[in-house]
Protein backbone atom coordinates (compact mmCIF):
# COMPACT_ATOMS: atom_id res chain seq x y z
CA MET A 1 -3.63 -10.72 -21.50
CA LYS A 2 -0.24 -10.99 -19.65
CA ILE A 3 0.59 -14.08 -18.16
CA LYS A 4 3.30 -14.66 -15.67
CA VAL A 5 4.16 -18.19 -15.79
CA SER A 6 6.48 -19.48 -12.37
CA GLY A 7 7.53 -21.79 -10.33
CA SER A 8 7.95 -22.42 -6.64
CA ASN A 9 11.04 -24.87 -6.21
CA MET A 10 11.00 -26.08 -9.18
CA GLU A 11 12.22 -25.20 -12.90
CA VAL A 12 9.46 -24.18 -15.64
CA GLY A 13 10.74 -24.71 -19.05
CA ASN A 14 10.16 -22.64 -22.15
CA SER A 15 8.04 -25.83 -23.34
CA LEU A 16 5.77 -25.32 -20.30
CA SER A 17 5.60 -21.84 -20.27
CA SER A 18 4.35 -21.62 -24.38
CA TYR A 19 1.71 -24.64 -23.50
CA VAL A 20 0.78 -22.55 -21.03
CA ASP A 21 0.23 -19.35 -22.54
CA ASP A 22 -1.02 -20.64 -25.74
CA ASN A 23 -3.95 -22.60 -24.08
CA LEU A 24 -4.87 -20.20 -21.12
CA ASP A 25 -5.12 -17.04 -22.82
CA LYS A 26 -7.20 -18.99 -26.07
CA GLU A 27 -9.65 -20.71 -23.54
CA ILE A 28 -10.04 -17.80 -20.73
CA LYS A 29 -10.81 -15.23 -23.33
CA LYS A 30 -13.88 -17.16 -24.50
CA PHE A 31 -15.68 -16.59 -21.27
CA PHE A 32 -13.82 -14.26 -19.23
CA GLU A 33 -12.70 -11.48 -22.12
CA ASN A 34 -12.07 -8.52 -20.16
CA ALA A 35 -8.94 -10.39 -18.04
CA ILE A 36 -5.79 -8.14 -18.56
CA SER A 37 -3.19 -11.02 -16.35
CA ALA A 38 -3.17 -14.32 -15.09
CA ASP A 39 -0.57 -15.79 -12.28
CA VAL A 40 0.55 -19.14 -13.14
CA VAL A 41 2.94 -20.78 -10.65
CA PHE A 42 3.65 -24.10 -10.40
CA SER A 43 4.86 -25.92 -7.01
CA LYS A 44 5.70 -29.59 -6.03
CA GLU A 45 3.35 -31.53 -4.24
CA GLY A 46 4.81 -34.05 -1.67
CA ALA A 47 7.42 -36.67 -3.87
CA HIS A 48 5.69 -37.22 -7.14
CA MET A 49 3.02 -34.59 -7.79
CA VAL A 50 2.74 -31.35 -9.50
CA LYS A 51 0.31 -28.79 -8.25
CA THR A 52 -0.54 -25.60 -10.22
CA THR A 53 -2.53 -22.33 -9.05
CA ILE A 54 -3.63 -19.96 -11.45
CA VAL A 55 -5.41 -16.67 -10.30
CA ILE A 56 -7.06 -14.37 -13.12
CA ASP A 57 -7.47 -10.83 -12.76
CA GLU A 58 -9.76 -7.90 -14.89
CA GLY A 59 -7.12 -5.33 -12.53
CA VAL A 60 -9.67 -3.11 -12.06
CA LYS A 61 -11.25 -1.95 -8.97
CA GLY A 62 -14.64 -3.76 -8.04
CA SER A 63 -14.18 -6.59 -10.48
CA VAL A 64 -13.97 -10.24 -9.71
CA LYS A 65 -10.75 -12.57 -9.92
CA ILE A 66 -10.77 -16.19 -10.28
CA LYS A 67 -8.62 -18.62 -8.66
CA SER A 68 -8.26 -22.04 -9.34
CA ASP A 69 -5.79 -25.24 -8.75
CA GLY A 70 -5.05 -28.64 -9.99
CA ILE A 71 -2.66 -31.49 -8.77
CA ALA A 72 -1.66 -34.26 -11.57
CA SER A 73 1.54 -36.21 -11.64
CA ASP A 74 3.06 -34.22 -14.18
CA ALA A 75 3.42 -30.49 -15.13
CA TYR A 76 1.07 -30.23 -17.75
CA GLY A 77 -1.76 -32.56 -16.66
CA SER A 78 -2.34 -30.27 -13.48
CA PHE A 79 -1.98 -26.95 -15.93
CA ASN A 80 -4.98 -28.50 -17.56
CA GLU A 81 -6.42 -29.43 -14.51
CA ALA A 82 -6.47 -26.07 -13.05
CA SER A 83 -7.34 -24.53 -16.27
CA GLN A 84 -10.48 -26.53 -16.88
CA LYS A 85 -11.74 -25.84 -13.25
CA ALA A 86 -11.03 -22.02 -14.12
CA VAL A 87 -13.30 -22.67 -17.37
CA ASN A 88 -16.13 -24.33 -15.91
CA GLN A 89 -16.22 -21.76 -12.82
CA ILE A 90 -16.16 -18.96 -15.35
CA ARG A 91 -18.88 -20.72 -17.42
CA ARG A 92 -20.87 -21.33 -14.82
CA TYR A 93 -21.21 -17.95 -13.20
CA LYS A 94 -20.84 -16.28 -17.10
CA ASP A 95 -24.21 -14.31 -17.09
CA LYS A 96 -24.06 -13.07 -13.66
CA ILE A 97 -20.68 -11.53 -14.13
CA LYS A 98 -22.21 -9.93 -17.12
CA ASN A 99 -24.31 -8.43 -14.74
CA TYR A 100 -22.52 -7.71 -11.90
CA ARG A 101 -19.63 -6.11 -14.12
CA ARG A 102 -22.57 -3.66 -15.56
CA ASN A 103 -23.92 -2.98 -12.40
CA PHE A 104 -21.40 -2.64 -9.94
CA GLY A 105 -17.62 -3.26 -11.20
CA GLY A 106 -15.25 -1.38 -12.36
CA VAL A 107 -15.89 2.48 -12.15
CA LYS A 108 -18.62 2.49 -10.42
CA SER A 109 -17.36 0.85 -7.64
CA ALA A 110 -15.74 4.37 -6.54
CA GLU A 111 -19.01 5.77 -6.72
CA PRO A 112 -20.69 6.86 -2.79
CA ASP A 113 -23.26 4.28 -3.03
CA PHE A 114 -20.96 1.66 -4.08
CA LYS A 115 -17.86 2.53 -1.68
CA LEU A 116 -15.40 -0.64 -0.56
CA LEU A 117 -14.78 -0.58 3.81
CA ASP A 118 -10.59 -0.41 4.48
CA ALA A 119 -8.86 -3.12 6.38
CA LYS A 120 -6.37 -5.63 7.12
CA LYS A 121 -6.09 -8.65 6.67
CA TYR A 122 -3.32 -10.64 9.06
CA VAL A 123 -1.61 -14.62 8.51
CA ILE A 124 -1.64 -16.44 11.89
CA PRO A 125 -0.51 -19.84 12.55
CA PRO A 126 -2.49 -22.69 12.86
CA LEU A 127 -3.74 -22.47 17.00
CA ASN A 128 -2.55 -25.99 18.14
CA HIS A 129 -1.61 -27.68 21.37
CA ASP A 130 1.71 -25.76 21.88
CA VAL A 131 0.26 -22.65 20.98
CA PHE A 132 -2.58 -23.04 24.14
CA LYS A 133 0.15 -23.86 26.28
CA GLU A 134 2.21 -21.36 25.48
CA PHE A 135 -0.87 -19.17 26.28
CA GLU A 136 -1.54 -20.93 29.51
CA ASP A 137 2.32 -20.21 30.70
CA SER A 138 2.36 -16.73 29.99
CA GLU A 139 1.40 -13.87 31.99
CA SER A 140 0.32 -11.82 28.77
CA ASN A 141 -3.08 -11.21 26.78
CA GLN A 142 -4.00 -14.88 25.90
CA ASP A 143 -5.80 -13.13 22.98
CA GLU A 144 -2.40 -12.30 21.45
CA VAL A 145 -1.36 -14.72 18.55
CA LYS A 146 1.44 -14.53 16.28
CA ILE A 147 1.26 -12.70 13.15
CA ILE A 148 3.20 -14.27 10.00
CA SER A 149 1.89 -11.29 7.44
CA GLU A 150 -0.33 -8.44 7.18
CA LYS A 151 -1.82 -6.41 4.36
CA SER A 152 -4.20 -4.18 3.18
CA THR A 153 -7.82 -5.10 1.79
CA GLU A 154 -11.00 -3.98 1.37
CA ILE A 155 -14.72 -5.30 2.22
CA GLU A 156 -16.74 -4.79 -0.46
CA LYS A 157 -20.61 -3.87 -0.41
CA LEU A 158 -22.54 -7.01 -2.29
CA SER A 159 -25.73 -8.92 -2.25
CA VAL A 160 -25.84 -12.32 -0.89
CA SER A 161 -25.18 -14.24 -4.46
CA ASP A 162 -22.24 -11.49 -5.71
CA ALA A 163 -20.50 -12.33 -2.44
CA ILE A 164 -20.93 -16.10 -3.10
CA MET A 165 -20.32 -15.71 -6.95
CA LYS A 166 -16.95 -14.06 -5.59
CA MET A 167 -16.37 -16.43 -2.98
CA ASP A 168 -16.36 -19.31 -5.39
CA LEU A 169 -14.72 -17.46 -8.26
CA ALA A 170 -11.72 -16.63 -5.76
CA ASN A 171 -11.77 -19.93 -4.58
CA LEU A 172 -12.24 -19.05 -0.60
CA PRO A 173 -13.48 -20.59 2.27
CA ALA A 174 -15.36 -17.61 3.41
CA LEU A 175 -16.14 -13.86 2.58
CA ILE A 176 -16.96 -11.02 4.76
CA PHE A 177 -19.15 -8.23 2.95
CA ILE A 178 -21.37 -5.27 3.61
CA ASN A 179 -24.36 -6.33 2.37
CA ARG A 180 -26.32 -4.60 -0.21
CA GLU A 181 -29.49 -4.42 1.14
CA ASN A 182 -28.77 -3.32 4.63
CA GLY A 183 -25.91 -2.25 5.14
CA ASN A 184 -24.42 -4.66 7.78
CA ILE A 185 -21.29 -6.75 8.07
CA ASN A 186 -22.16 -10.29 6.75
CA ALA A 187 -20.34 -13.13 6.15
CA VAL A 188 -21.01 -16.56 3.73
CA TYR A 189 -18.64 -19.49 4.20
CA HIS A 190 -18.83 -23.26 2.79
CA ARG A 191 -20.15 -25.66 5.16
CA LYS A 192 -18.73 -29.20 5.58
CA ASP A 193 -21.91 -30.81 4.10
CA GLY A 194 -21.70 -28.68 0.82
CA ASN A 195 -24.46 -26.08 1.84
CA ILE A 196 -23.19 -22.59 2.15
CA SER A 197 -23.96 -20.74 5.60
CA TRP A 198 -24.49 -17.10 5.55
CA ILE A 199 -24.29 -15.14 8.57
CA ASP A 200 -25.94 -11.32 8.86
CA HIS A 201 -24.44 -9.09 11.65
CA SER A 202 -27.21 -6.51 12.71
CA THR A 203 -26.61 -3.25 14.43
CA LYS A 204 -29.82 -2.91 15.43
CA LYS A 205 -31.17 -4.19 19.10
């Protein structure tokens, strides 16, 4: 597995990079043997804390992606926390990942029944009070918002349980997908009470 280690506004020395290489490859390959790459980013969190973000990818269309993070007073501690979270997530979904990969992942996702829907993903700033006031004072369309960035993405055709699995593994708050059972646009998201909400949009009247 190719591992890229980098720092955001902080230096990452050879000792830390070697520690990440040795430990991450060994731990992840126990459960996620097909992973081909991982990005590990260290960043300052406040004045005295370090945050580690790990993204692990199988690198094939329709595969699963793992994302985890950890925060500690030192880089090694934050990496250990993020790494353990990734391992726990993979262990939790180990059998389901194998079933998904065998039935729907990789090359099969390019077949007609597994076609993905092309889409655009935008990043916009929070709609705070100043933004709303700007809309009120403007004669322009109030639905217009400032776009920070945009990128191409794909909406996958998934079962509800696979969508929840992929949302959790990628550490996402929500996920939009095409329901494999009925072809409708669906969404799942984490509720504040710990449960998961599932929205099924039907085109039938």
